[in-house]
PDB file of N, CA and C in Angstrom:
ATOM      1  N   MET A   1     -46.702 -14.195 -57.189  1.00  0.00           N
ATOM      2  CA  MET A   1     -45.602 -14.594 -56.316  1.00  0.00           C
ATOM      3  C   MET A   1     -45.583 -16.111 -56.228  1.00  0.00           C
ATOM      4  N   SER A   2     -44.425 -16.706 -56.487  1.00  0.00           N
ATOM      5  CA  SER A   2     -44.278 -18.142 -56.261  1.00  0.00           C
ATOM      6  C   SER A   2     -43.676 -18.342 -54.874  1.00  0.00           C
ATOM      7  N   ASP A   3     -43.409 -19.577 -54.524  1.00  0.00           N
ATOM      8  CA  ASP A   3     -42.889 -19.860 -53.190  1.00  0.00           C
ATOM      9  C   ASP A   3     -41.539 -19.221 -52.903  1.00  0.00           C
ATOM     10  N   SER A   4     -40.696 -19.019 -53.932  1.00  0.00           N
ATOM     11  CA  SER A   4     -39.357 -18.532 -53.652  1.00  0.00           C
ATOM     12  C   SER A   4     -38.942 -17.320 -54.494  1.00  0.00           C
ATOM     13  N   VAL A   5     -39.881 -16.726 -55.229  1.00  0.00           N
ATOM     14  CA  VAL A   5     -39.555 -15.566 -56.053  1.00  0.00           C
ATOM     15  C   VAL A   5     -40.591 -14.475 -55.841  1.00  0.00           C
ATOM     16  N   TYR A   6     -40.120 -13.254 -55.684  1.00  0.00           N
ATOM     17  CA  TYR A   6     -40.999 -12.090 -55.608  1.00  0.00           C
ATOM     18  C   TYR A   6     -40.392 -11.019 -56.494  1.00  0.00           C
ATOM     19  N   VAL A   7     -41.193 -10.427 -57.356  1.00  0.00           N
ATOM     20  CA  VAL A   7     -40.749  -9.329 -58.198  1.00  0.00           C
ATOM     21  C   VAL A   7     -41.610  -8.136 -57.852  1.00  0.00           C
ATOM     22  N   GLY A   8     -40.981  -7.009 -57.571  1.00  0.00           N
ATOM     23  CA  GLY A   8     -41.747  -5.839 -57.179  1.00  0.00           C
ATOM     24  C   GLY A   8     -41.045  -4.548 -57.555  1.00  0.00           C
ATOM     25  N   ASN A   9     -41.580  -3.461 -57.053  1.00  0.00           N
ATOM     26  CA  ASN A   9     -41.010  -2.137 -57.240  1.00  0.00           C
ATOM     27  C   ASN A   9     -40.797  -1.547 -55.853  1.00  0.00           C
ATOM     28  N   ALA A  10     -39.564  -1.137 -55.556  1.00  0.00           N
ATOM     29  CA  ALA A  10     -39.239  -0.651 -54.209  1.00  0.00           C
ATOM     30  C   ALA A  10     -40.130   0.513 -53.805  1.00  0.00           C
ATOM     31  N   GLY A  11     -40.339   1.468 -54.703  1.00  0.00           N
ATOM     32  CA  GLY A  11     -41.166   2.624 -54.364  1.00  0.00           C
ATOM     33  C   GLY A  11     -42.596   2.246 -54.028  1.00  0.00           C
ATOM     34  N   LYS A  12     -43.174   1.370 -54.815  1.00  0.00           N
ATOM     35  CA  LYS A  12     -44.567   0.955 -54.591  1.00  0.00           C
ATOM     36  C   LYS A  12     -44.695   0.030 -53.381  1.00  0.00           C
ATOM     37  N   ASP A  13     -43.817  -0.964 -53.291  1.00  0.00           N
ATOM     38  CA  ASP A  13     -43.898  -1.913 -52.180  1.00  0.00           C
ATOM     39  C   ASP A  13     -43.576  -1.248 -50.848  1.00  0.00           C
ATOM     40  N   ALA A  14     -42.622  -0.331 -50.854  1.00  0.00           N
ATOM     41  CA  ALA A  14     -42.235   0.356 -49.617  1.00  0.00           C
ATOM     42  C   ALA A  14     -43.403   1.130 -49.027  1.00  0.00           C
ATOM     43  N   ALA A  15     -44.229   1.695 -49.879  1.00  0.00           N
ATOM     44  CA  ALA A  15     -45.371   2.485 -49.406  1.00  0.00           C
ATOM     45  C   ALA A  15     -46.371   1.631 -48.622  1.00  0.00           C
ATOM     46  N   LEU A  16     -46.312   0.328 -48.784  1.00  0.00           N
ATOM     47  CA  LEU A  16     -47.257  -0.571 -48.118  1.00  0.00           C
ATOM     48  C   LEU A  16     -46.837  -0.971 -46.703  1.00  0.00           C
ATOM     49  N   ASP A  17     -45.554  -0.766 -46.359  1.00  0.00           N
ATOM     50  CA  ASP A  17     -45.064  -1.258 -45.071  1.00  0.00           C
ATOM     51  C   ASP A  17     -44.018  -0.308 -44.474  1.00  0.00           C
ATOM     52  N   ARG A  18     -44.333   0.978 -44.386  1.00  0.00           N
ATOM     53  CA  ARG A  18     -43.451   2.003 -43.814  1.00  0.00           C
ATOM     54  C   ARG A  18     -42.053   1.979 -44.410  1.00  0.00           C
ATOM     55  N   GLY A  19     -41.935   1.546 -45.654  1.00  0.00           N
ATOM     56  CA  GLY A  19     -40.656   1.532 -46.344  1.00  0.00           C
ATOM     57  C   GLY A  19     -39.950   0.190 -46.346  1.00  0.00           C
ATOM     58  N   TRP A  20     -40.372  -0.714 -45.478  1.00  0.00           N
ATOM     59  CA  TRP A  20     -39.649  -1.977 -45.334  1.00  0.00           C
ATOM     60  C   TRP A  20     -39.984  -2.944 -46.456  1.00  0.00           C
ATOM     61  N   LEU A  21     -38.935  -3.480 -47.078  1.00  0.00           N
ATOM     62  CA  LEU A  21     -39.077  -4.419 -48.189  1.00  0.00           C
ATOM     63  C   LEU A  21     -38.805  -5.856 -47.767  1.00  0.00           C
ATOM     64  N   LEU A  22     -37.979  -6.032 -46.745  1.00  0.00           N
ATOM     65  CA  LEU A  22     -37.544  -7.371 -46.373  1.00  0.00           C
ATOM     66  C   LEU A  22     -37.231  -7.398 -44.882  1.00  0.00           C
ATOM     67  N   GLY A  23     -37.620  -8.465 -44.213  1.00  0.00           N
ATOM     68  CA  GLY A  23     -37.310  -8.610 -42.796  1.00  0.00           C
ATOM     69  C   GLY A  23     -38.203  -9.627 -42.116  1.00  0.00           C
ATOM     70  N   HIS A  24     -38.024  -9.775 -40.807  1.00  0.00           N
ATOM     71  CA  HIS A  24     -38.789 -10.758 -40.037  1.00  0.00           C
ATOM     72  C   HIS A  24     -40.286 -10.455 -40.038  1.00  0.00           C
ATOM     73  N   PHE A  25     -40.659  -9.215 -40.290  1.00  0.00           N
ATOM     74  CA  PHE A  25     -42.044  -8.760 -40.205  1.00  0.00           C
ATOM     75  C   PHE A  25     -42.883  -9.152 -41.420  1.00  0.00           C
ATOM     76  N   LYS A  26     -42.255  -9.667 -42.464  1.00  0.00           N
ATOM     77  CA  LYS A  26     -43.008 -10.175 -43.613  1.00  0.00           C
ATOM     78  C   LYS A  26     -43.505 -11.581 -43.279  1.00  0.00           C
ATOM     79  N   SER A  27     -44.603 -11.958 -43.868  1.00  0.00           N
ATOM     80  CA  SER A  27     -45.192 -13.272 -43.623  1.00  0.00           C
ATOM     81  C   SER A  27     -44.172 -14.380 -43.899  1.00  0.00           C
ATOM     82  N   ALA A  28     -44.205 -15.421 -43.084  1.00  0.00           N
ATOM     83  CA  ALA A  28     -43.236 -16.515 -43.198  1.00  0.00           C
ATOM     84  C   ALA A  28     -43.260 -17.193 -44.561  1.00  0.00           C
ATOM     85  N   ASP A  29     -44.373 -17.139 -45.287  1.00  0.00           N
ATOM     86  CA  ASP A  29     -44.441 -17.761 -46.610  1.00  0.00           C
ATOM     87  C   ASP A  29     -44.067 -16.793 -47.738  1.00  0.00           C
ATOM     88  N   ASP A  30     -43.627 -15.598 -47.384  1.00  0.00           N
ATOM     89  CA  ASP A  30     -43.229 -14.576 -48.355  1.00  0.00           C
ATOM     90  C   ASP A  30     -41.716 -14.660 -48.560  1.00  0.00           C
ATOM     91  N   PRO A  31     -41.210 -14.674 -49.791  1.00  0.00           N
ATOM     92  CA  PRO A  31     -39.760 -14.723 -50.016  1.00  0.00           C
ATOM     93  C   PRO A  31     -39.009 -13.543 -49.388  1.00  0.00           C
ATOM     94  N   ARG A  32     -39.732 -12.486 -49.022  1.00  0.00           N
ATOM     95  CA  ARG A  32     -39.111 -11.315 -48.403  1.00  0.00           C
ATOM     96  C   ARG A  32     -38.983 -11.453 -46.888  1.00  0.00           C
ATOM     97  N   HIS A  33     -39.413 -12.557 -46.338  1.00  0.00           N
ATOM     98  CA  HIS A  33     -39.272 -12.830 -44.906  1.00  0.00           C
ATOM     99  C   HIS A  33     -37.815 -13.207 -44.620  1.00  0.00           C
ATOM    100  N   SER A  34     -37.223 -12.579 -43.602  1.00  0.00           N
ATOM    101  CA  SER A  34     -35.863 -12.906 -43.204  1.00  0.00           C
ATOM    102  C   SER A  34     -35.659 -12.574 -41.737  1.00  0.00           C
ATOM    103  N   THR A  35     -34.980 -13.458 -41.037  1.00  0.00           N
ATOM    104  CA  THR A  35     -34.578 -13.157 -39.663  1.00  0.00           C
ATOM    105  C   THR A  35     -33.122 -12.701 -39.628  1.00  0.00           C
ATOM    106  N   ASP A  36     -32.479 -12.696 -40.782  1.00  0.00           N
ATOM    107  CA  ASP A  36     -31.075 -12.323 -40.867  1.00  0.00           C
ATOM    108  C   ASP A  36     -30.864 -10.845 -41.178  1.00  0.00           C
ATOM    109  N   ILE A  37     -31.778 -10.246 -41.952  1.00  0.00           N
ATOM    110  CA  ILE A  37     -31.538  -8.909 -42.477  1.00  0.00           C
ATOM    111  C   ILE A  37     -32.853  -8.165 -42.699  1.00  0.00           C
ATOM    112  N   GLU A  38     -32.785  -6.842 -42.643  1.00  0.00           N
ATOM    113  CA  GLU A  38     -33.929  -5.980 -42.955  1.00  0.00           C
ATOM    114  C   GLU A  38     -33.475  -4.979 -44.008  1.00  0.00           C
ATOM    115  N   ILE A  39     -34.339  -4.694 -44.968  1.00  0.00           N
ATOM    116  CA  ILE A  39     -34.025  -3.713 -46.005  1.00  0.00           C
ATOM    117  C   ILE A  39     -35.189  -2.748 -46.129  1.00  0.00           C
ATOM    118  N   LYS A  40     -34.846  -1.450 -46.158  1.00  0.00           N
ATOM    119  CA  LYS A  40     -35.857  -0.398 -46.243  1.00  0.00           C
ATOM    120  C   LYS A  40     -35.538   0.550 -47.391  1.00  0.00           C
ATOM    121  N   TRP A  41     -36.562   0.925 -48.145  1.00  0.00           N
ATOM    122  CA  TRP A  41     -36.485   1.955 -49.170  1.00  0.00           C
ATOM    123  C   TRP A  41     -37.172   3.170 -48.557  1.00  0.00           C
ATOM    124  N   GLY A  42     -36.373   4.096 -48.045  1.00  0.00           N
ATOM    125  CA  GLY A  42     -36.922   5.243 -47.327  1.00  0.00           C
ATOM    126  C   GLY A  42     -37.050   6.472 -48.217  1.00  0.00           C
ATOM    127  N   VAL A  43     -38.261   6.965 -48.346  1.00  0.00           N
ATOM    128  CA  VAL A  43     -38.529   8.191 -49.107  1.00  0.00           C
ATOM    129  C   VAL A  43     -38.881   9.269 -48.091  1.00  0.00           C
ATOM    130  N   HIS A  44     -38.075  10.329 -48.036  1.00  0.00           N
ATOM    131  CA  HIS A  44     -38.203  11.346 -47.000  1.00  0.00           C
ATOM    132  C   HIS A  44     -38.357  12.733 -47.616  1.00  0.00           C
ATOM    133  N   PRO A  45     -39.429  13.437 -47.292  1.00  0.00           N
ATOM    134  CA  PRO A  45     -39.551  14.820 -47.762  1.00  0.00           C
ATOM    135  C   PRO A  45     -38.524  15.707 -47.049  1.00  0.00           C
ATOM    136  N   ARG A  46     -38.222  16.828 -47.657  1.00  0.00           N
ATOM    137  CA  ARG A  46     -37.291  17.786 -47.047  1.00  0.00           C
ATOM    138  C   ARG A  46     -37.760  18.125 -45.627  1.00  0.00           C
ATOM    139  N   GLY A  47     -36.851  18.102 -44.666  1.00  0.00           N
ATOM    140  CA  GLY A  47     -37.174  18.434 -43.286  1.00  0.00           C
ATOM    141  C   GLY A  47     -37.645  17.253 -42.448  1.00  0.00           C
ATOM    142  N   ASP A  48     -37.887  16.103 -43.077  1.00  0.00           N
ATOM    143  CA  ASP A  48     -38.292  14.915 -42.327  1.00  0.00           C
ATOM    144  C   ASP A  48     -37.144  14.530 -41.396  1.00  0.00           C
ATOM    145  N   GLU A  49     -37.463  14.210 -40.153  1.00  0.00           N
ATOM    146  CA  GLU A  49     -36.409  13.845 -39.216  1.00  0.00           C
ATOM    147  C   GLU A  49     -36.915  12.843 -38.192  1.00  0.00           C
ATOM    148  N   ARG A  50     -35.984  12.078 -37.649  1.00  0.00           N
ATOM    149  CA  ARG A  50     -36.309  11.164 -36.549  1.00  0.00           C
ATOM    150  C   ARG A  50     -36.453  12.039 -35.320  1.00  0.00           C
ATOM    151  N   MET A  51     -37.594  11.985 -34.697  1.00  0.00           N
ATOM    152  CA  MET A  51     -37.888  12.867 -33.576  1.00  0.00           C
ATOM    153  C   MET A  51     -37.178  12.455 -32.285  1.00  0.00           C
ATOM    154  N   HIS A  52     -36.829  11.180 -32.169  1.00  0.00           N
ATOM    155  CA  HIS A  52     -36.184  10.690 -30.950  1.00  0.00           C
ATOM    156  C   HIS A  52     -34.867  10.013 -31.293  1.00  0.00           C
ATOM    157  N   TRP A  53     -33.867  10.294 -30.511  1.00  0.00           N
ATOM    158  CA  TRP A  53     -32.567   9.638 -30.650  1.00  0.00           C
ATOM    159  C   TRP A  53     -32.749   8.157 -30.354  1.00  0.00           C
ATOM    160  N   VAL A  54     -32.149   7.288 -31.167  1.00  0.00           N
ATOM    161  CA  VAL A  54     -32.222   5.846 -30.938  1.00  0.00           C
ATOM    162  C   VAL A  54     -31.072   5.443 -30.021  1.00  0.00           C
ATOM    163  N   ASN A  55     -31.403   4.839 -28.903  1.00  0.00           N
ATOM    164  CA  ASN A  55     -30.408   4.322 -27.959  1.00  0.00           C
ATOM    165  C   ASN A  55     -30.579   2.816 -27.840  1.00  0.00           C
ATOM    166  N   GLY A  56     -29.526   2.137 -27.462  1.00  0.00           N
ATOM    167  CA  GLY A  56     -29.624   0.694 -27.241  1.00  0.00           C
ATOM    168  C   GLY A  56     -29.829  -0.097 -28.517  1.00  0.00           C
ATOM    169  N   GLU A  57     -29.328   0.404 -29.624  1.00  0.00           N
ATOM    170  CA  GLU A  57     -29.473  -0.299 -30.904  1.00  0.00           C
ATOM    171  C   GLU A  57     -28.791  -1.667 -30.818  1.00  0.00           C
ATOM    172  N   VAL A  58     -29.482  -2.694 -31.258  1.00  0.00           N
ATOM    173  CA  VAL A  58     -28.940  -4.049 -31.186  1.00  0.00           C
ATOM    174  C   VAL A  58     -28.566  -4.597 -32.562  1.00  0.00           C
ATOM    175  N   ARG A  59     -28.683  -3.758 -33.580  1.00  0.00           N
ATOM    176  CA  ARG A  59     -28.373  -4.195 -34.938  1.00  0.00           C
ATOM    177  C   ARG A  59     -27.228  -3.360 -35.509  1.00  0.00           C
ATOM    178  N   THR A  60     -26.611  -3.863 -36.544  1.00  0.00           N
ATOM    179  CA  THR A  60     -25.663  -3.102 -37.346  1.00  0.00           C
ATOM    180  C   THR A  60     -26.462  -2.533 -38.512  1.00  0.00           C
ATOM    181  N   ALA A  61     -26.092  -1.336 -38.972  1.00  0.00           N
ATOM    182  CA  ALA A  61     -26.856  -0.697 -40.042  1.00  0.00           C
ATOM    183  C   ALA A  61     -25.944  -0.116 -41.113  1.00  0.00           C
ATOM    184  N   LEU A  62     -26.437  -0.149 -42.334  1.00  0.00           N
ATOM    185  CA  LEU A  62     -25.825   0.484 -43.493  1.00  0.00           C
ATOM    186  C   LEU A  62     -26.893   1.362 -44.110  1.00  0.00           C
ATOM    187  N   LEU A  63     -26.576   2.633 -44.337  1.00  0.00           N
ATOM    188  CA  LEU A  63     -27.525   3.553 -44.961  1.00  0.00           C
ATOM    189  C   LEU A  63     -26.844   4.141 -46.193  1.00  0.00           C
ATOM    190  N   VAL A  64     -27.468   3.980 -47.372  1.00  0.00           N
ATOM    191  CA  VAL A  64     -26.916   4.425 -48.647  1.00  0.00           C
ATOM    192  C   VAL A  64     -27.828   5.489 -49.238  1.00  0.00           C
ATOM    193  N   LEU A  65     -27.250   6.618 -49.644  1.00  0.00           N
ATOM    194  CA  LEU A  65     -28.022   7.680 -50.283  1.00  0.00           C
ATOM    195  C   LEU A  65     -28.266   7.336 -51.750  1.00  0.00           C
ATOM    196  N   VAL A  66     -29.539   7.302 -52.141  1.00  0.00           N
ATOM    197  CA  VAL A  66     -29.921   7.094 -53.535  1.00  0.00           C
ATOM    198  C   VAL A  66     -30.071   8.458 -54.214  1.00  0.00           C
ATOM    199  N   SER A  67     -30.755   9.379 -53.522  1.00  0.00           N
ATOM    200  CA  SER A  67     -30.912  10.735 -54.051  1.00  0.00           C
ATOM    201  C   SER A  67     -31.170  11.697 -52.899  1.00  0.00           C
ATOM    202  N   GLY A  68     -30.877  12.981 -53.129  1.00  0.00           N
ATOM    203  CA  GLY A  68     -31.145  13.999 -52.132  1.00  0.00           C
ATOM    204  C   GLY A  68     -29.927  14.366 -51.313  1.00  0.00           C
ATOM    205  N   ARG A  69     -30.192  14.790 -50.093  1.00  0.00           N
ATOM    206  CA  ARG A  69     -29.154  15.218 -49.137  1.00  0.00           C
ATOM    207  C   ARG A  69     -29.669  14.818 -47.764  1.00  0.00           C
ATOM    208  N   PHE A  70     -28.935  13.944 -47.079  1.00  0.00           N
ATOM    209  CA  PHE A  70     -29.437  13.289 -45.877  1.00  0.00           C
ATOM    210  C   PHE A  70     -28.356  13.307 -44.802  1.00  0.00           C
ATOM    211  N   ARG A  71     -28.702  13.756 -43.613  1.00  0.00           N
ATOM    212  CA  ARG A  71     -27.742  13.850 -42.511  1.00  0.00           C
ATOM    213  C   ARG A  71     -28.054  12.782 -41.468  1.00  0.00           C
ATOM    214  N   VAL A  72     -27.012  12.065 -41.058  1.00  0.00           N
ATOM    215  CA  VAL A  72     -27.123  11.065 -39.995  1.00  0.00           C
ATOM    216  C   VAL A  72     -26.309  11.569 -38.812  1.00  0.00           C
ATOM    217  N   GLU A  73     -26.957  11.641 -37.663  1.00  0.00           N
ATOM    218  CA  GLU A  73     -26.296  12.068 -36.427  1.00  0.00           C
ATOM    219  C   GLU A  73     -25.911  10.828 -35.643  1.00  0.00           C
ATOM    220  N   LEU A  74     -24.631  10.765 -35.277  1.00  0.00           N
ATOM    221  CA  LEU A  74     -24.092   9.674 -34.485  1.00  0.00           C
ATOM    222  C   LEU A  74     -23.404  10.288 -33.267  1.00  0.00           C
ATOM    223  N   PRO A  75     -23.128   9.524 -32.241  1.00  0.00           N
ATOM    224  CA  PRO A  75     -22.489  10.104 -31.059  1.00  0.00           C
ATOM    225  C   PRO A  75     -21.188  10.833 -31.424  1.00  0.00           C
ATOM    226  N   GLY A  76     -21.150  12.126 -31.174  1.00  0.00           N
ATOM    227  CA  GLY A  76     -19.957  12.922 -31.431  1.00  0.00           C
ATOM    228  C   GLY A  76     -19.633  13.162 -32.885  1.00  0.00           C
ATOM    229  N   ARG A  77     -20.567  12.830 -33.784  1.00  0.00           N
ATOM    230  CA  ARG A  77     -20.264  12.951 -35.205  1.00  0.00           C
ATOM    231  C   ARG A  77     -21.535  13.153 -36.023  1.00  0.00           C
ATOM    232  N   SER A  78     -21.461  14.052 -36.992  1.00  0.00           N
ATOM    233  CA  SER A  78     -22.548  14.288 -37.927  1.00  0.00           C
ATOM    234  C   SER A  78     -22.048  13.914 -39.320  1.00  0.00           C
ATOM    235  N   VAL A  79     -22.785  13.043 -40.016  1.00  0.00           N
ATOM    236  CA  VAL A  79     -22.371  12.576 -41.341  1.00  0.00           C
ATOM    237  C   VAL A  79     -23.368  13.080 -42.369  1.00  0.00           C
ATOM    238  N   LEU A  80     -22.875  13.816 -43.363  1.00  0.00           N
ATOM    239  CA  LEU A  80     -23.724  14.332 -44.430  1.00  0.00           C
ATOM    240  C   LEU A  80     -23.536  13.483 -45.676  1.00  0.00           C
ATOM    241  N   LEU A  81     -24.629  12.860 -46.114  1.00  0.00           N
ATOM    242  CA  LEU A  81     -24.633  12.091 -47.357  1.00  0.00           C
ATOM    243  C   LEU A  81     -25.176  13.025 -48.433  1.00  0.00           C
ATOM    244  N   LYS A  82     -24.356  13.391 -49.424  1.00  0.00           N
ATOM    245  CA  LYS A  82     -24.783  14.399 -50.389  1.00  0.00           C
ATOM    246  C   LYS A  82     -24.615  13.977 -51.837  1.00  0.00           C
ATOM    247  N   GLU A  83     -23.838  12.932 -52.091  1.00  0.00           N
ATOM    248  CA  GLU A  83     -23.679  12.435 -53.449  1.00  0.00           C
ATOM    249  C   GLU A  83     -24.252  11.035 -53.540  1.00  0.00           C
ATOM    250  N   GLN A  84     -24.931  10.746 -54.651  1.00  0.00           N
ATOM    251  CA  GLN A  84     -25.509   9.417 -54.827  1.00  0.00           C
ATOM    252  C   GLN A  84     -24.445   8.362 -54.535  1.00  0.00           C
ATOM    253  N   GLY A  85     -24.804   7.409 -53.696  1.00  0.00           N
ATOM    254  CA  GLY A  85     -23.887   6.342 -53.335  1.00  0.00           C
ATOM    255  C   GLY A  85     -23.130   6.582 -52.048  1.00  0.00           C
ATOM    256  N   ASP A  86     -23.159   7.813 -51.509  1.00  0.00           N
ATOM    257  CA  ASP A  86     -22.543   8.043 -50.199  1.00  0.00           C
ATOM    258  C   ASP A  86     -23.231   7.135 -49.192  1.00  0.00           C
ATOM    259  N   TYR A  87     -22.457   6.596 -48.256  1.00  0.00           N
ATOM    260  CA  TYR A  87     -23.061   5.725 -47.249  1.00  0.00           C
ATOM    261  C   TYR A  87     -22.341   5.815 -45.922  1.00  0.00           C
ATOM    262  N   VAL A  88     -23.025   5.334 -44.901  1.00  0.00           N
ATOM    263  CA  VAL A  88     -22.476   5.274 -43.552  1.00  0.00           C
ATOM    264  C   VAL A  88     -22.890   3.927 -42.942  1.00  0.00           C
ATOM    265  N   VAL A  89     -21.996   3.361 -42.153  1.00  0.00           N
ATOM    266  CA  VAL A  89     -22.262   2.105 -41.438  1.00  0.00           C
ATOM    267  C   VAL A  89     -22.014   2.361 -39.960  1.00  0.00           C
ATOM    268  N   TRP A  90     -22.927   1.884 -39.117  1.00  0.00           N
ATOM    269  CA  TRP A  90     -22.671   1.957 -37.674  1.00  0.00           C
ATOM    270  C   TRP A  90     -23.040   0.619 -37.048  1.00  0.00           C
ATOM    271  N   GLY A  91     -22.327   0.311 -35.986  1.00  0.00           N
ATOM    272  CA  GLY A  91     -22.463  -0.997 -35.355  1.00  0.00           C
ATOM    273  C   GLY A  91     -23.443  -1.035 -34.215  1.00  0.00           C
ATOM    274  N   ARG A  92     -23.584  -2.205 -33.662  1.00  0.00           N
ATOM    275  CA  ARG A  92     -24.462  -2.430 -32.510  1.00  0.00           C
ATOM    276  C   ARG A  92     -24.057  -1.510 -31.374  1.00  0.00           C
ATOM    277  N   GLY A  93     -25.059  -0.984 -30.705  1.00  0.00           N
ATOM    278  CA  GLY A  93     -24.814  -0.130 -29.561  1.00  0.00           C
ATOM    279  C   GLY A  93     -24.609   1.340 -29.900  1.00  0.00           C
ATOM    280  N   VAL A  94     -24.540   1.683 -31.175  1.00  0.00           N
ATOM    281  CA  VAL A  94     -24.327   3.070 -31.583  1.00  0.00           C
ATOM    282  C   VAL A  94     -25.686   3.750 -31.785  1.00  0.00           C
ATOM    283  N   GLY A  95     -25.953   4.778 -30.989  1.00  0.00           N
ATOM    284  CA  GLY A  95     -27.188   5.529 -31.132  1.00  0.00           C
ATOM    285  C   GLY A  95     -27.157   6.372 -32.398  1.00  0.00           C
ATOM    286  N   HIS A  96     -28.338   6.826 -32.824  1.00  0.00           N
ATOM    287  CA  HIS A  96     -28.374   7.650 -34.025  1.00  0.00           C
ATOM    288  C   HIS A  96     -29.688   8.414 -34.143  1.00  0.00           C
ATOM    289  N   SER A  97     -29.647   9.371 -35.019  1.00  0.00           N
ATOM    290  CA  SER A  97     -30.827  10.112 -35.450  1.00  0.00           C
ATOM    291  C   SER A  97     -30.546  10.559 -36.875  1.00  0.00           C
ATOM    292  N   TRP A  98     -31.515  11.156 -37.552  1.00  0.00           N
ATOM    293  CA  TRP A  98     -31.296  11.581 -38.937  1.00  0.00           C
ATOM    294  C   TRP A  98     -32.247  12.705 -39.334  1.00  0.00           C
ATOM    295  N   CYS A  99     -31.896  13.377 -40.432  1.00  0.00           N
ATOM    296  CA  CYS A  99     -32.719  14.456 -40.981  1.00  0.00           C
ATOM    297  C   CYS A  99     -32.508  14.534 -42.488  1.00  0.00           C
ATOM    298  N   ALA A 100     -33.591  14.664 -43.228  1.00  0.00           N
ATOM    299  CA  ALA A 100     -33.515  14.858 -44.673  1.00  0.00           C
ATOM    300  C   ALA A 100     -33.371  16.356 -44.950  1.00  0.00           C
ATOM    301  N   GLU A 101     -32.179  16.780 -45.360  1.00  0.00           N
ATOM    302  CA  GLU A 101     -31.949  18.200 -45.643  1.00  0.00           C
ATOM    303  C   GLU A 101     -32.603  18.612 -46.964  1.00  0.00           C
ATOM    304  N   GLU A 102     -32.772  17.650 -47.858  1.00  0.00           N
ATOM    305  CA  GLU A 102     -33.529  17.815 -49.096  1.00  0.00           C
ATOM    306  C   GLU A 102     -34.402  16.584 -49.229  1.00  0.00           C
ATOM    307  N   GLU A 103     -35.371  16.618 -50.136  1.00  0.00           N
ATOM    308  CA  GLU A 103     -36.132  15.405 -50.411  1.00  0.00           C
ATOM    309  C   GLU A 103     -35.121  14.310 -50.734  1.00  0.00           C
ATOM    310  N   SER A 104     -35.234  13.174 -50.049  1.00  0.00           N
ATOM    311  CA  SER A 104     -34.209  12.139 -50.156  1.00  0.00           C
ATOM    312  C   SER A 104     -34.805  10.746 -50.269  1.00  0.00           C
ATOM    313  N   VAL A 105     -34.052   9.887 -50.942  1.00  0.00           N
ATOM    314  CA  VAL A 105     -34.337   8.455 -50.960  1.00  0.00           C
ATOM    315  C   VAL A 105     -33.089   7.776 -50.431  1.00  0.00           C
ATOM    316  N   VAL A 106     -33.261   6.927 -49.411  1.00  0.00           N
ATOM    317  CA  VAL A 106     -32.143   6.193 -48.821  1.00  0.00           C
ATOM    318  C   VAL A 106     -32.496   4.712 -48.727  1.00  0.00           C
ATOM    319  N   LEU A 107     -31.503   3.887 -48.932  1.00  0.00           N
ATOM    320  CA  LEU A 107     -31.648   2.447 -48.776  1.00  0.00           C
ATOM    321  C   LEU A 107     -30.972   2.072 -47.467  1.00  0.00           C
ATOM    322  N   THR A 108     -31.733   1.462 -46.564  1.00  0.00           N
ATOM    323  CA  THR A 108     -31.193   1.052 -45.267  1.00  0.00           C
ATOM    324  C   THR A 108     -31.168  -0.469 -45.199  1.00  0.00           C
ATOM    325  N   VAL A 109     -30.046  -0.992 -44.747  1.00  0.00           N
ATOM    326  CA  VAL A 109     -29.896  -2.427 -44.520  1.00  0.00           C
ATOM    327  C   VAL A 109     -29.499  -2.586 -43.061  1.00  0.00           C
ATOM    328  N   ARG A 110     -30.244  -3.414 -42.320  1.00  0.00           N
ATOM    329  CA  ARG A 110     -29.941  -3.662 -40.901  1.00  0.00           C
ATOM    330  C   ARG A 110     -29.883  -5.161 -40.673  1.00  0.00           C
ATOM    331  N   TRP A 111     -28.990  -5.547 -39.779  1.00  0.00           N
ATOM    332  CA  TRP A 111     -28.905  -6.964 -39.441  1.00  0.00           C
ATOM    333  C   TRP A 111     -28.480  -7.119 -37.994  1.00  0.00           C
ATOM    334  N   PRO A 112     -28.992  -8.142 -37.328  1.00  0.00           N
ATOM    335  CA  PRO A 112     -30.030  -9.074 -37.770  1.00  0.00           C
ATOM    336  C   PRO A 112     -31.411  -8.421 -37.732  1.00  0.00           C
ATOM    337  N   SER A 113     -32.397  -9.126 -38.242  1.00  0.00           N
ATOM    338  CA  SER A 113     -33.786  -8.674 -38.168  1.00  0.00           C
ATOM    339  C   SER A 113     -34.351  -9.184 -36.846  1.00  0.00           C
ATOM    340  N   VAL A 114     -34.696  -8.258 -35.962  1.00  0.00           N
ATOM    341  CA  VAL A 114     -35.032  -8.620 -34.581  1.00  0.00           C
ATOM    342  C   VAL A 114     -36.527  -8.482 -34.315  1.00  0.00           C
ATOM    343  N   PRO A 115     -37.257  -9.593 -34.167  1.00  0.00           N
ATOM    344  CA  PRO A 115     -38.691  -9.505 -33.855  1.00  0.00           C
ATOM    345  C   PRO A 115     -38.927  -8.767 -32.549  1.00  0.00           C
ATOM    346  N   GLY A 116     -39.933  -7.939 -32.540  1.00  0.00           N
ATOM    347  CA  GLY A 116     -40.321  -7.218 -31.341  1.00  0.00           C
ATOM    348  C   GLY A 116     -39.498  -5.992 -31.050  1.00  0.00           C
ATOM    349  N   TYR A 117     -38.450  -5.748 -31.835  1.00  0.00           N
ATOM    350  CA  TYR A 117     -37.607  -4.575 -31.616  1.00  0.00           C
ATOM    351  C   TYR A 117     -38.188  -3.400 -32.379  1.00  0.00           C
ATOM    352  N   ALA A 118     -38.419  -2.317 -31.690  1.00  0.00           N
ATOM    353  CA  ALA A 118     -38.949  -1.104 -32.339  1.00  0.00           C
ATOM    354  C   ALA A 118     -38.442   0.097 -31.586  1.00  0.00           C
ATOM    355  N   THR A 119     -38.268   1.182 -32.319  1.00  0.00           N
ATOM    356  CA  THR A 119     -37.886   2.450 -31.696  1.00  0.00           C
ATOM    357  C   THR A 119     -38.995   3.457 -31.958  1.00  0.00           C
ATOM    358  N   PRO A 120     -39.149   4.433 -31.081  1.00  0.00           N
ATOM    359  CA  PRO A 120     -40.232   5.419 -31.280  1.00  0.00           C
ATOM    360  C   PRO A 120     -40.067   6.191 -32.575  1.00  0.00           C
TER     361      PRO A 120
END
């Protein structure tokens, strides 16, 4: 790794940090450090689900299906991502939950990257 370039593999690197590839939580001297955006390569076995509904979200999110079948629950709406490239975007303040109906890989982009913000 040089000061401004990092080359990696999403599957391998994601396994080292709960799926997260880029965000404020990376070391400040790492090119993957950002306070503007977070990117996650999420690998979910069939039946994997968020156990708690997320409330008070302060970020905007984009979730893109790479493979599998993945359901995102939003207030008053259930979105099924079933074809590669299907995606959903939700804004600040929108609660959510999710479930992998099949083994799934999803790419999540959230902004901004908020230090100290975590959900159960």
